[in-house]
């Protein structure tokens, strides 16, 4: 249990950061599912929109250290691979 005020503050901060990281990871997974669905349906415009938003979210998650930069690069590579399936 936290004994000092600074430790209590760190516990609150860590909890807030943990939730933010979870939001990033969850939204990335959801957008990947949407991208796979749009690619399988063959809708090129919708797939490009989803891919752009997904790449942006991946970059933001990596910038906030929610995911590792190499993990972000791997995920962005998968995004481009899925887009190349349409062409």
C-alpha atoms as a PDB file:
ATOM      1  CA  UNK A   1       0.000   0.000   0.000  1.00  0.00           C
ATOM      2  CA  UNK A   2       1.211   3.507  -0.797  1.00  0.00           C
ATOM      3  CA  UNK A   3       2.442   5.348   2.283  1.00  0.00           C
ATOM      4  CA  UNK A   4       3.479   8.773   1.061  1.00  0.00           C
ATOM      5  CA  UNK A   5       1.469  11.319  -0.899  1.00  0.00           C
ATOM      6  CA  UNK A   6       3.845  10.969  -3.862  1.00  0.00           C
ATOM      7  CA  UNK A   7       3.319   7.203  -3.960  1.00  0.00           C
ATOM      8  CA  UNK A   8      -0.450   7.681  -3.883  1.00  0.00           C
ATOM      9  CA  UNK A   9      -0.165  10.123  -6.774  1.00  0.00           C
ATOM     10  CA  UNK A  10       1.985   7.655  -8.752  1.00  0.00           C
ATOM     11  CA  UNK A  11      -0.637   4.934  -8.219  1.00  0.00           C
ATOM     12  CA  UNK A  12      -3.339   7.211  -9.619  1.00  0.00           C
ATOM     13  CA  UNK A  13      -1.132   8.263 -12.546  1.00  0.00           C
ATOM     14  CA  UNK A  14      -0.193   4.665 -13.359  1.00  0.00           C
ATOM     15  CA  UNK A  15      -3.846   3.638 -13.321  1.00  0.00           C
ATOM     16  CA  UNK A  16      -4.759   6.456 -15.717  1.00  0.00           C
ATOM     17  CA  UNK A  17      -1.871   5.547 -18.044  1.00  0.00           C
ATOM     18  CA  UNK A  18      -2.812   1.865 -17.935  1.00  0.00           C
ATOM     19  CA  UNK A  19      -6.358   2.688 -19.053  1.00  0.00           C
ATOM     20  CA  UNK A  20      -5.101   4.948 -21.848  1.00  0.00           C
ATOM     21  CA  UNK A  21      -2.774   2.205 -23.113  1.00  0.00           C
ATOM     22  CA  UNK A  22      -5.646  -0.274 -22.996  1.00  0.00           C
ATOM     23  CA  UNK A  23      -7.808   2.103 -25.064  1.00  0.00           C
ATOM     24  CA  UNK A  24      -5.091   2.397 -27.704  1.00  0.00           C
ATOM     25  CA  UNK A  25      -4.569  -1.365 -27.924  1.00  0.00           C
ATOM     26  CA  UNK A  26      -8.284  -2.106 -28.046  1.00  0.00           C
ATOM     27  CA  UNK A  27      -8.999   0.472 -30.738  1.00  0.00           C
ATOM     28  CA  UNK A  28      -6.111  -0.845 -32.855  1.00  0.00           C
ATOM     29  CA  UNK A  29      -7.514  -4.375 -32.665  1.00  0.00           C
ATOM     30  CA  UNK A  30     -11.005  -3.144 -33.553  1.00  0.00           C
ATOM     31  CA  UNK A  31      -9.741  -1.142 -36.521  1.00  0.00           C
ATOM     32  CA  UNK A  32      -7.789  -4.159 -37.789  1.00  0.00           C
ATOM     33  CA  UNK A  33     -11.014  -6.168 -37.750  1.00  0.00           C
ATOM     34  CA  UNK A  34     -12.795  -3.383 -39.659  1.00  0.00           C
ATOM     35  CA  UNK A  35      -9.959  -3.218 -42.175  1.00  0.00           C
ATOM     36  CA  UNK A  36     -10.072  -6.967 -42.756  1.00  0.00           C
ATOM     37  CA  UNK A  37     -13.847  -6.785 -43.240  1.00  0.00           C
ATOM     38  CA  UNK A  38     -13.624  -3.932 -45.753  1.00  0.00           C
ATOM     39  CA  UNK A  39     -10.807  -5.660 -47.645  1.00  0.00           C
ATOM     40  CA  UNK A  40     -12.802  -8.885 -47.851  1.00  0.00           C
ATOM     41  CA  UNK A  41     -15.851  -6.972 -49.112  1.00  0.00           C
ATOM     42  CA  UNK A  42     -13.718  -5.279 -51.779  1.00  0.00           C
ATOM     43  CA  UNK A  43     -14.598  -1.678 -50.863  1.00  0.00           C
ATOM     44  CA  UNK A  44     -11.387   0.160 -51.784  1.00  0.00           C
ATOM     45  CA  UNK A  45     -12.364   3.643 -50.617  1.00  0.00           C
ATOM     46  CA  UNK A  46     -13.573   2.487 -47.210  1.00  0.00           C
ATOM     47  CA  UNK A  47     -10.480   0.325 -46.772  1.00  0.00           C
ATOM     48  CA  UNK A  48      -8.198   3.296 -47.488  1.00  0.00           C
ATOM     49  CA  UNK A  49     -10.054   5.460 -44.980  1.00  0.00           C
ATOM     50  CA  UNK A  50      -9.847   2.793 -42.283  1.00  0.00           C
ATOM     51  CA  UNK A  51      -6.174   2.154 -43.066  1.00  0.00           C
ATOM     52  CA  UNK A  52      -5.323   5.844 -42.769  1.00  0.00           C
ATOM     53  CA  UNK A  53      -7.048   6.144 -39.406  1.00  0.00           C
ATOM     54  CA  UNK A  54      -5.485   2.884 -38.221  1.00  0.00           C
ATOM     55  CA  UNK A  55      -1.970   3.996 -39.189  1.00  0.00           C
ATOM     56  CA  UNK A  56      -2.501   7.266 -37.358  1.00  0.00           C
ATOM     57  CA  UNK A  57      -3.704   5.464 -34.237  1.00  0.00           C
ATOM     58  CA  UNK A  58      -0.743   3.089 -34.354  1.00  0.00           C
ATOM     59  CA  UNK A  59       1.654   6.049 -34.584  1.00  0.00           C
ATOM     60  CA  UNK A  60      -0.030   7.765 -31.641  1.00  0.00           C
ATOM     61  CA  UNK A  61       0.116   4.599 -29.548  1.00  0.00           C
ATOM     62  CA  UNK A  62       3.831   4.221 -30.284  1.00  0.00           C
ATOM     63  CA  UNK A  63       4.452   7.889 -29.474  1.00  0.00           C
ATOM     64  CA  UNK A  64       2.781   7.450 -26.086  1.00  0.00           C
ATOM     65  CA  UNK A  65       4.685   4.193 -25.455  1.00  0.00           C
ATOM     66  CA  UNK A  66       1.465   2.189 -25.344  1.00  0.00           C
ATOM     67  CA  UNK A  67       3.094  -0.207 -27.816  1.00  0.00           C
ATOM     68  CA  UNK A  68       6.744  -0.691 -28.747  1.00  0.00           C
ATOM     69  CA  UNK A  69       8.004   1.099 -31.861  1.00  0.00           C
ATOM     70  CA  UNK A  70       8.926  -2.207 -33.530  1.00  0.00           C
ATOM     71  CA  UNK A  71       5.441  -3.549 -32.789  1.00  0.00           C
ATOM     72  CA  UNK A  72       4.031  -0.395 -34.392  1.00  0.00           C
ATOM     73  CA  UNK A  73       6.180  -0.931 -37.485  1.00  0.00           C
ATOM     74  CA  UNK A  74       5.015  -4.543 -37.704  1.00  0.00           C
ATOM     75  CA  UNK A  75       1.362  -3.512 -37.436  1.00  0.00           C
ATOM     76  CA  UNK A  76       1.754  -0.792 -40.084  1.00  0.00           C
ATOM     77  CA  UNK A  77       3.391  -3.340 -42.361  1.00  0.00           C
ATOM     78  CA  UNK A  78       0.346  -5.561 -41.922  1.00  0.00           C
ATOM     79  CA  UNK A  79      -1.913  -2.621 -42.796  1.00  0.00           C
ATOM     80  CA  UNK A  80      -0.063  -2.002 -46.050  1.00  0.00           C
ATOM     81  CA  UNK A  81      -0.053  -5.735 -46.836  1.00  0.00           C
ATOM     82  CA  UNK A  82      -3.839  -5.846 -46.433  1.00  0.00           C
ATOM     83  CA  UNK A  83      -4.243  -2.781 -48.679  1.00  0.00           C
ATOM     84  CA  UNK A  84      -2.068  -4.388 -51.335  1.00  0.00           C
ATOM     85  CA  UNK A  85      -4.487  -7.312 -51.463  1.00  0.00           C
ATOM     86  CA  UNK A  86      -7.091  -4.982 -52.959  1.00  0.00           C
ATOM     87  CA  UNK A  87      -4.926  -4.035 -55.914  1.00  0.00           C
END
